[in-house]
Amino acid sequence: MAKKSWIARNKRKAKTVEKYADIRHKLKAEKDYVGLSMLPRDASPTRVVNRCEITGRRRAFLRRFRLSRITFREYASAGLLPGVTKSSW
């Protein structure tokens, strides 16, 4: 499980991105790159990291389910993910 501080930091970044989204869009349309550079670093959407909803793990993240590979496998084996079946060949 990821540290609580890392998860909280990522949530804070997401709030900052949401707060400055309109301003960033306006500045980009005007091609005002100096104005964009004056905004906080965390206002950029690329600073937000995709994290597992359950564990907070950032590596091996599956976007479709918003889970890490480990959590995905546990949930799929337990039958908690609708439409997911174990394959064998």
C-alpha atoms as a PDB file:
ATOM      1  CA  MET A   1       0.000   0.000   0.000  1.00  0.00           C
ATOM      2  CA  ALA A   2       1.255   3.460  -0.874  1.00  0.00           C
ATOM      3  CA  LYS A   3       2.010   5.938   1.864  1.00  0.00           C
ATOM      4  CA  LYS A   4      -0.957   8.068   2.867  1.00  0.00           C
ATOM      5  CA  SER A   5       1.075  11.218   2.201  1.00  0.00           C
ATOM      6  CA  TRP A   6       1.636  10.213  -1.460  1.00  0.00           C
ATOM      7  CA  ILE A   7      -2.072   9.550  -1.951  1.00  0.00           C
ATOM      8  CA  ALA A   8      -2.993  12.845  -0.281  1.00  0.00           C
ATOM      9  CA  ARG A   9      -0.455  14.730  -2.406  1.00  0.00           C
ATOM     10  CA  ASN A  10      -1.944  13.268  -5.572  1.00  0.00           C
ATOM     11  CA  LYS A  11      -5.463  14.287  -4.487  1.00  0.00           C
ATOM     12  CA  ARG A  12      -4.212  17.798  -3.784  1.00  0.00           C
ATOM     13  CA  LYS A  13      -2.675  17.947  -7.270  1.00  0.00           C
ATOM     14  CA  ALA A  14      -5.966  16.809  -8.812  1.00  0.00           C
ATOM     15  CA  LYS A  15      -7.821  19.605  -7.004  1.00  0.00           C
ATOM     16  CA  THR A  16      -5.276  22.158  -8.252  1.00  0.00           C
ATOM     17  CA  VAL A  17      -5.649  20.905 -11.828  1.00  0.00           C
ATOM     18  CA  GLU A  18      -9.425  21.231 -11.561  1.00  0.00           C
ATOM     19  CA  LYS A  19      -9.144  24.721 -10.065  1.00  0.00           C
ATOM     20  CA  TYR A  20      -6.932  26.092 -12.848  1.00  0.00           C
ATOM     21  CA  ALA A  21      -8.407  24.136 -15.793  1.00  0.00           C
ATOM     22  CA  ASP A  22     -10.418  27.041 -17.223  1.00  0.00           C
ATOM     23  CA  ILE A  23      -7.562  29.509 -16.840  1.00  0.00           C
ATOM     24  CA  ARG A  24      -5.111  27.092 -18.484  1.00  0.00           C
ATOM     25  CA  HIS A  25      -7.484  26.485 -21.374  1.00  0.00           C
ATOM     26  CA  LYS A  26      -7.933  30.227 -21.908  1.00  0.00           C
ATOM     27  CA  LEU A  27      -4.189  30.936 -21.762  1.00  0.00           C
ATOM     28  CA  LYS A  28      -3.428  28.101 -24.177  1.00  0.00           C
ATOM     29  CA  ALA A  29      -6.018  29.401 -26.643  1.00  0.00           C
ATOM     30  CA  GLU A  30      -4.378  32.843 -26.495  1.00  0.00           C
ATOM     31  CA  LYS A  31      -0.906  31.219 -26.744  1.00  0.00           C
ATOM     32  CA  ASP A  32       0.152  33.150 -23.634  1.00  0.00           C
ATOM     33  CA  TYR A  33       3.000  30.928 -22.534  1.00  0.00           C
ATOM     34  CA  VAL A  34       4.331  33.476 -20.062  1.00  0.00           C
ATOM     35  CA  GLY A  35       0.964  33.452 -18.303  1.00  0.00           C
ATOM     36  CA  LEU A  36       0.992  29.659 -18.294  1.00  0.00           C
ATOM     37  CA  SER A  37       4.418  29.644 -16.677  1.00  0.00           C
ATOM     38  CA  MET A  38       3.100  31.910 -13.910  1.00  0.00           C
ATOM     39  CA  LEU A  39       0.562  29.277 -12.823  1.00  0.00           C
ATOM     40  CA  PRO A  40       1.535  26.738 -10.138  1.00  0.00           C
ATOM     41  CA  ARG A  41       3.392  23.653 -11.347  1.00  0.00           C
ATOM     42  CA  ASP A  42       0.707  21.365  -9.998  1.00  0.00           C
ATOM     43  CA  ALA A  43      -1.879  23.065 -12.236  1.00  0.00           C
ATOM     44  CA  SER A  44      -0.629  20.940 -15.124  1.00  0.00           C
ATOM     45  CA  PRO A  45      -2.663  17.741 -15.654  1.00  0.00           C
ATOM     46  CA  THR A  46       0.493  15.750 -16.377  1.00  0.00           C
ATOM     47  CA  ARG A  47       1.508  16.093 -12.740  1.00  0.00           C
ATOM     48  CA  VAL A  48      -1.401  13.907 -11.572  1.00  0.00           C
ATOM     49  CA  VAL A  49      -0.482  10.228 -11.337  1.00  0.00           C
ATOM     50  CA  ASN A  50      -2.873   7.356 -12.033  1.00  0.00           C
ATOM     51  CA  ARG A  51      -3.166   5.364  -8.811  1.00  0.00           C
ATOM     52  CA  CYS A  52      -5.052   2.240  -7.777  1.00  0.00           C
ATOM     53  CA  GLU A  53      -8.308   3.139  -6.031  1.00  0.00           C
ATOM     54  CA  ILE A  54      -7.784   0.455  -3.389  1.00  0.00           C
ATOM     55  CA  THR A  55      -4.063   0.360  -2.615  1.00  0.00           C
ATOM     56  CA  GLY A  56      -2.726   3.586  -4.110  1.00  0.00           C
ATOM     57  CA  ARG A  57      -0.113   1.706  -6.157  1.00  0.00           C
ATOM     58  CA  ARG A  58       1.009   3.667  -9.216  1.00  0.00           C
ATOM     59  CA  ARG A  59       2.814   0.997 -11.212  1.00  0.00           C
ATOM     60  CA  ALA A  60       0.999  -1.579 -13.357  1.00  0.00           C
ATOM     61  CA  PHE A  61      -2.187   0.507 -13.376  1.00  0.00           C
ATOM     62  CA  LEU A  62      -5.146  -0.672 -15.487  1.00  0.00           C
ATOM     63  CA  ARG A  63      -7.081   2.403 -16.618  1.00  0.00           C
ATOM     64  CA  ARG A  64     -10.271   0.592 -17.533  1.00  0.00           C
ATOM     65  CA  PHE A  65     -10.742  -0.661 -13.973  1.00  0.00           C
ATOM     66  CA  ARG A  66      -8.722   2.014 -12.109  1.00  0.00           C
ATOM     67  CA  LEU A  67      -6.915  -0.790 -10.261  1.00  0.00           C
ATOM     68  CA  SER A  68      -3.377  -2.111 -10.085  1.00  0.00           C
ATOM     69  CA  ARG A  69      -2.652  -5.513 -11.604  1.00  0.00           C
ATOM     70  CA  ILE A  70      -2.431  -7.134  -8.168  1.00  0.00           C
ATOM     71  CA  THR A  71      -5.751  -5.776  -6.927  1.00  0.00           C
ATOM     72  CA  PHE A  72      -7.338  -6.533 -10.304  1.00  0.00           C
ATOM     73  CA  ARG A  73      -6.328 -10.181 -10.071  1.00  0.00           C
ATOM     74  CA  GLU A  74      -7.592 -10.512  -6.487  1.00  0.00           C
ATOM     75  CA  TYR A  75     -10.959  -8.939  -7.361  1.00  0.00           C
ATOM     76  CA  ALA A  76     -11.336 -10.916 -10.598  1.00  0.00           C
ATOM     77  CA  SER A  77     -10.573 -14.208  -8.836  1.00  0.00           C
ATOM     78  CA  ALA A  78     -13.139 -13.370  -6.174  1.00  0.00           C
ATOM     79  CA  GLY A  79     -15.718 -12.550  -8.866  1.00  0.00           C
ATOM     80  CA  LEU A  80     -16.066  -8.916  -7.806  1.00  0.00           C
ATOM     81  CA  LEU A  81     -15.519  -7.474 -11.296  1.00  0.00           C
ATOM     82  CA  PRO A  82     -18.541  -7.970 -13.557  1.00  0.00           C
ATOM     83  CA  GLY A  83     -17.752  -9.188 -17.042  1.00  0.00           C
ATOM     84  CA  VAL A  84     -14.261 -10.411 -16.199  1.00  0.00           C
ATOM     85  CA  THR A  85     -13.606 -14.118 -16.600  1.00  0.00           C
ATOM     86  CA  LYS A  86     -10.443 -16.115 -16.166  1.00  0.00           C
ATOM     87  CA  SER A  87      -9.213 -17.499 -19.454  1.00  0.00           C
ATOM     88  CA  SER A  88      -7.413 -20.766 -20.068  1.00  0.00           C
ATOM     89  CA  TRP A  89      -6.022 -22.287 -23.216  1.00  0.00           C
END
